Amino acid sequence: MSWLKLKVAIPLLSIVLYIQPLSAASLSGSHLLNQCQSLLEGSQSLMSAFKSGQCSSYILGIYDLVSEQCPRLAINRQEVVLKTLKYLQNAEEKERPAVLLIDRFLSRQAQCLPVASLN
């Protein structure tokens, strides 16, 4: 495993361990999208969706991972999360564990992490 992949995998694993009550294996991409529907529709902000329990804490972990790995970039938390959710919407294998889908998204992209470099 390359150094960069390991550096990304460790924080991602900590995100997975933080999720309660759903385990990483049971939180599918489609389940995460359903939880965060109001965020995707724009009817709620990221923090209000998280605070109301409508969007998994996993979502904040996506931003935290990117901001930790790419500290020199000015990254908008809402934009990072929305780009990740949009990737999940377009993923063909939505029933796979969300952690695997997001890991694939993060590890495929260039620069420090994907969401920071997407157009």
C-alpha atoms as a PDB file:
ATOM      1  CA  MET A   1       0.000   0.000   0.000  1.00  0.00           C
ATOM      2  CA  SER A   2       1.424   3.348  -0.965  1.00  0.00           C
ATOM      3  CA  TRP A   3       2.172   6.002   1.640  1.00  0.00           C
ATOM      4  CA  LEU A   4      -0.571   8.292   0.336  1.00  0.00           C
ATOM      5  CA  LYS A   5      -3.198   5.545   0.333  1.00  0.00           C
ATOM      6  CA  LEU A   6      -2.223   4.602   3.878  1.00  0.00           C
ATOM      7  CA  LYS A   7      -2.377   8.243   4.943  1.00  0.00           C
ATOM      8  CA  VAL A   8      -5.890   8.476   3.485  1.00  0.00           C
ATOM      9  CA  ALA A   9      -7.037   5.069   4.730  1.00  0.00           C
ATOM     10  CA  ILE A  10      -6.243   5.685   8.397  1.00  0.00           C
ATOM     11  CA  PRO A  11      -8.430   8.798   8.808  1.00  0.00           C
ATOM     12  CA  LEU A  12     -11.154   7.176   6.711  1.00  0.00           C
ATOM     13  CA  LEU A  13     -11.099   4.169   9.010  1.00  0.00           C
ATOM     14  CA  SER A  14     -11.500   6.443  12.029  1.00  0.00           C
ATOM     15  CA  ILE A  15     -14.578   7.941  10.363  1.00  0.00           C
ATOM     16  CA  VAL A  16     -16.039   4.471   9.915  1.00  0.00           C
ATOM     17  CA  LEU A  17     -15.444   3.619  13.559  1.00  0.00           C
ATOM     18  CA  TYR A  18     -17.184   6.843  14.615  1.00  0.00           C
ATOM     19  CA  ILE A  19     -20.458   6.059  12.843  1.00  0.00           C
ATOM     20  CA  GLN A  20     -23.173   4.908  15.201  1.00  0.00           C
ATOM     21  CA  PRO A  21     -25.437   2.973  15.222  1.00  0.00           C
ATOM     22  CA  LEU A  22     -24.819   1.808  11.643  1.00  0.00           C
ATOM     23  CA  SER A  23     -21.627  -0.068  10.936  1.00  0.00           C
ATOM     24  CA  ALA A  24     -19.534   0.595   7.851  1.00  0.00           C
ATOM     25  CA  ALA A  25     -20.753  -2.647   6.341  1.00  0.00           C
ATOM     26  CA  SER A  26     -24.428  -1.760   6.752  1.00  0.00           C
ATOM     27  CA  LEU A  27     -24.295   1.886   5.620  1.00  0.00           C
ATOM     28  CA  SER A  28     -24.679   1.612   1.868  1.00  0.00           C
ATOM     29  CA  GLY A  29     -24.219   4.427  -0.599  1.00  0.00           C
ATOM     30  CA  SER A  30     -27.968   4.544  -1.206  1.00  0.00           C
ATOM     31  CA  HIS A  31     -28.682   4.629   2.536  1.00  0.00           C
ATOM     32  CA  LEU A  32     -26.312   7.561   2.966  1.00  0.00           C
ATOM     33  CA  LEU A  33     -27.963   9.359   0.040  1.00  0.00           C
ATOM     34  CA  ASN A  34     -31.403   8.790   1.583  1.00  0.00           C
ATOM     35  CA  GLN A  35     -30.197  10.170   4.910  1.00  0.00           C
ATOM     36  CA  CYS A  36     -28.820  13.262   3.234  1.00  0.00           C
ATOM     37  CA  GLN A  37     -31.635  13.935   0.760  1.00  0.00           C
ATOM     38  CA  SER A  38     -32.507  17.322   2.285  1.00  0.00           C
ATOM     39  CA  LEU A  39     -28.891  18.373   1.946  1.00  0.00           C
ATOM     40  CA  LEU A  40     -28.803  17.312  -1.703  1.00  0.00           C
ATOM     41  CA  GLU A  41     -32.040  19.168  -2.417  1.00  0.00           C
ATOM     42  CA  GLY A  42     -30.630  22.306  -0.847  1.00  0.00           C
ATOM     43  CA  SER A  43     -33.417  22.543   1.716  1.00  0.00           C
ATOM     44  CA  GLN A  44     -30.932  22.250   4.583  1.00  0.00           C
ATOM     45  CA  SER A  45     -27.390  23.370   5.187  1.00  0.00           C
ATOM     46  CA  LEU A  46     -24.727  20.819   6.005  1.00  0.00           C
ATOM     47  CA  MET A  47     -24.601  21.641   9.698  1.00  0.00           C
ATOM     48  CA  SER A  48     -28.381  21.779  10.161  1.00  0.00           C
ATOM     49  CA  ALA A  49     -28.760  18.403   8.413  1.00  0.00           C
ATOM     50  CA  PHE A  50     -26.085  16.942  10.655  1.00  0.00           C
ATOM     51  CA  LYS A  51     -27.421  18.504  13.874  1.00  0.00           C
ATOM     52  CA  SER A  52     -30.977  17.356  13.164  1.00  0.00           C
ATOM     53  CA  GLY A  53     -29.739  13.808  12.665  1.00  0.00           C
ATOM     54  CA  GLN A  54     -30.901  13.729   9.053  1.00  0.00           C
ATOM     55  CA  CYS A  55     -27.436  13.229   7.651  1.00  0.00           C
ATOM     56  CA  SER A  56     -24.887  10.796   9.012  1.00  0.00           C
ATOM     57  CA  SER A  57     -21.858  12.045  10.910  1.00  0.00           C
ATOM     58  CA  TYR A  58     -20.016  10.298   8.109  1.00  0.00           C
ATOM     59  CA  ILE A  59     -20.605  13.400   6.011  1.00  0.00           C
ATOM     60  CA  LEU A  60     -18.616  15.617   8.350  1.00  0.00           C
ATOM     61  CA  GLY A  61     -15.874  13.014   8.274  1.00  0.00           C
ATOM     62  CA  ILE A  62     -15.532  13.515   4.519  1.00  0.00           C
ATOM     63  CA  TYR A  63     -14.803  17.179   5.041  1.00  0.00           C
ATOM     64  CA  ASP A  64     -12.501  16.544   7.994  1.00  0.00           C
ATOM     65  CA  LEU A  65     -10.480  14.058   5.945  1.00  0.00           C
ATOM     66  CA  VAL A  66     -10.047  16.507   3.095  1.00  0.00           C
ATOM     67  CA  SER A  67      -9.210  19.467   5.306  1.00  0.00           C
ATOM     68  CA  GLU A  68      -6.661  17.402   7.247  1.00  0.00           C
ATOM     69  CA  GLN A  69      -4.942  16.093   4.131  1.00  0.00           C
ATOM     70  CA  CYS A  70      -5.110  19.369   2.186  1.00  0.00           C
ATOM     71  CA  PRO A  71      -4.552  22.063   4.819  1.00  0.00           C
ATOM     72  CA  ARG A  72      -3.120  24.603   2.399  1.00  0.00           C
ATOM     73  CA  LEU A  73      -6.316  24.730   0.334  1.00  0.00           C
ATOM     74  CA  ALA A  74      -9.276  26.904   1.216  1.00  0.00           C
ATOM     75  CA  ILE A  75     -12.043  24.320   1.077  1.00  0.00           C
ATOM     76  CA  ASN A  76     -15.739  24.995   1.506  1.00  0.00           C
ATOM     77  CA  ARG A  77     -17.194  22.240   3.699  1.00  0.00           C
ATOM     78  CA  GLN A  78     -20.612  22.305   2.019  1.00  0.00           C
ATOM     79  CA  GLU A  79     -19.068  22.068  -1.458  1.00  0.00           C
ATOM     80  CA  VAL A  80     -16.831  19.152  -0.510  1.00  0.00           C
ATOM     81  CA  VAL A  81     -19.720  17.180   0.921  1.00  0.00           C
ATOM     82  CA  LEU A  82     -22.071  17.945  -1.974  1.00  0.00           C
ATOM     83  CA  LYS A  83     -19.493  16.852  -4.549  1.00  0.00           C
ATOM     84  CA  THR A  84     -19.018  13.604  -2.673  1.00  0.00           C
ATOM     85  CA  LEU A  85     -22.778  13.010  -2.466  1.00  0.00           C
ATOM     86  CA  LYS A  86     -23.156  13.776  -6.178  1.00  0.00           C
ATOM     87  CA  TYR A  87     -20.498  11.177  -6.876  1.00  0.00           C
ATOM     88  CA  LEU A  88     -22.531   8.685  -4.829  1.00  0.00           C
ATOM     89  CA  GLN A  89     -25.681   9.592  -6.793  1.00  0.00           C
ATOM     90  CA  ASN A  90     -23.917   8.682 -10.027  1.00  0.00           C
ATOM     91  CA  ALA A  91     -22.230   5.552  -8.696  1.00  0.00           C
ATOM     92  CA  GLU A  92     -23.473   2.369 -10.316  1.00  0.00           C
ATOM     93  CA  GLU A  93     -23.036   0.258  -7.186  1.00  0.00           C
ATOM     94  CA  LYS A  94     -25.056   2.271  -4.653  1.00  0.00           C
ATOM     95  CA  GLU A  95     -25.713  -0.798  -2.506  1.00  0.00           C
ATOM     96  CA  ARG A  96     -22.011  -1.241  -1.767  1.00  0.00           C
ATOM     97  CA  PRO A  97     -20.809   0.074   1.588  1.00  0.00           C
ATOM     98  CA  ALA A  98     -20.586   3.862   1.502  1.00  0.00           C
ATOM     99  CA  VAL A  99     -17.076   3.745   2.936  1.00  0.00           C
ATOM    100  CA  LEU A 100     -15.840   1.768  -0.080  1.00  0.00           C
ATOM    101  CA  LEU A 101     -17.541   4.067  -2.579  1.00  0.00           C
ATOM    102  CA  ILE A 102     -16.164   7.188  -0.924  1.00  0.00           C
ATOM    103  CA  ASP A 103     -12.722   5.644  -0.553  1.00  0.00           C
ATOM    104  CA  ARG A 104     -12.708   4.891  -4.286  1.00  0.00           C
ATOM    105  CA  PHE A 105     -13.752   8.467  -5.030  1.00  0.00           C
ATOM    106  CA  LEU A 106     -11.091   9.957  -2.778  1.00  0.00           C
ATOM    107  CA  SER A 107      -8.265   7.702  -3.924  1.00  0.00           C
ATOM    108  CA  ARG A 108      -8.905   8.073  -7.678  1.00  0.00           C
ATOM    109  CA  GLN A 109      -8.426  11.796  -7.853  1.00  0.00           C
ATOM    110  CA  ALA A 110      -5.317  13.888  -8.279  1.00  0.00           C
ATOM    111  CA  GLN A 111      -3.683  16.371  -5.931  1.00  0.00           C
ATOM    112  CA  CYS A 112      -4.020  15.862  -2.206  1.00  0.00           C
ATOM    113  CA  LEU A 113      -7.596  14.554  -2.281  1.00  0.00           C
ATOM    114  CA  PRO A 114     -10.310  14.528  -4.897  1.00  0.00           C
ATOM    115  CA  VAL A 115     -13.010  16.780  -3.685  1.00  0.00           C
ATOM    116  CA  ALA A 116     -10.544  19.601  -3.315  1.00  0.00           C
ATOM    117  CA  SER A 117      -9.517  19.334  -6.959  1.00  0.00           C
ATOM    118  CA  LEU A 118     -12.846  18.691  -8.682  1.00  0.00           C
ATOM    119  CA  ASN A 119     -14.284  21.254 -11.033  1.00  0.00           C
END
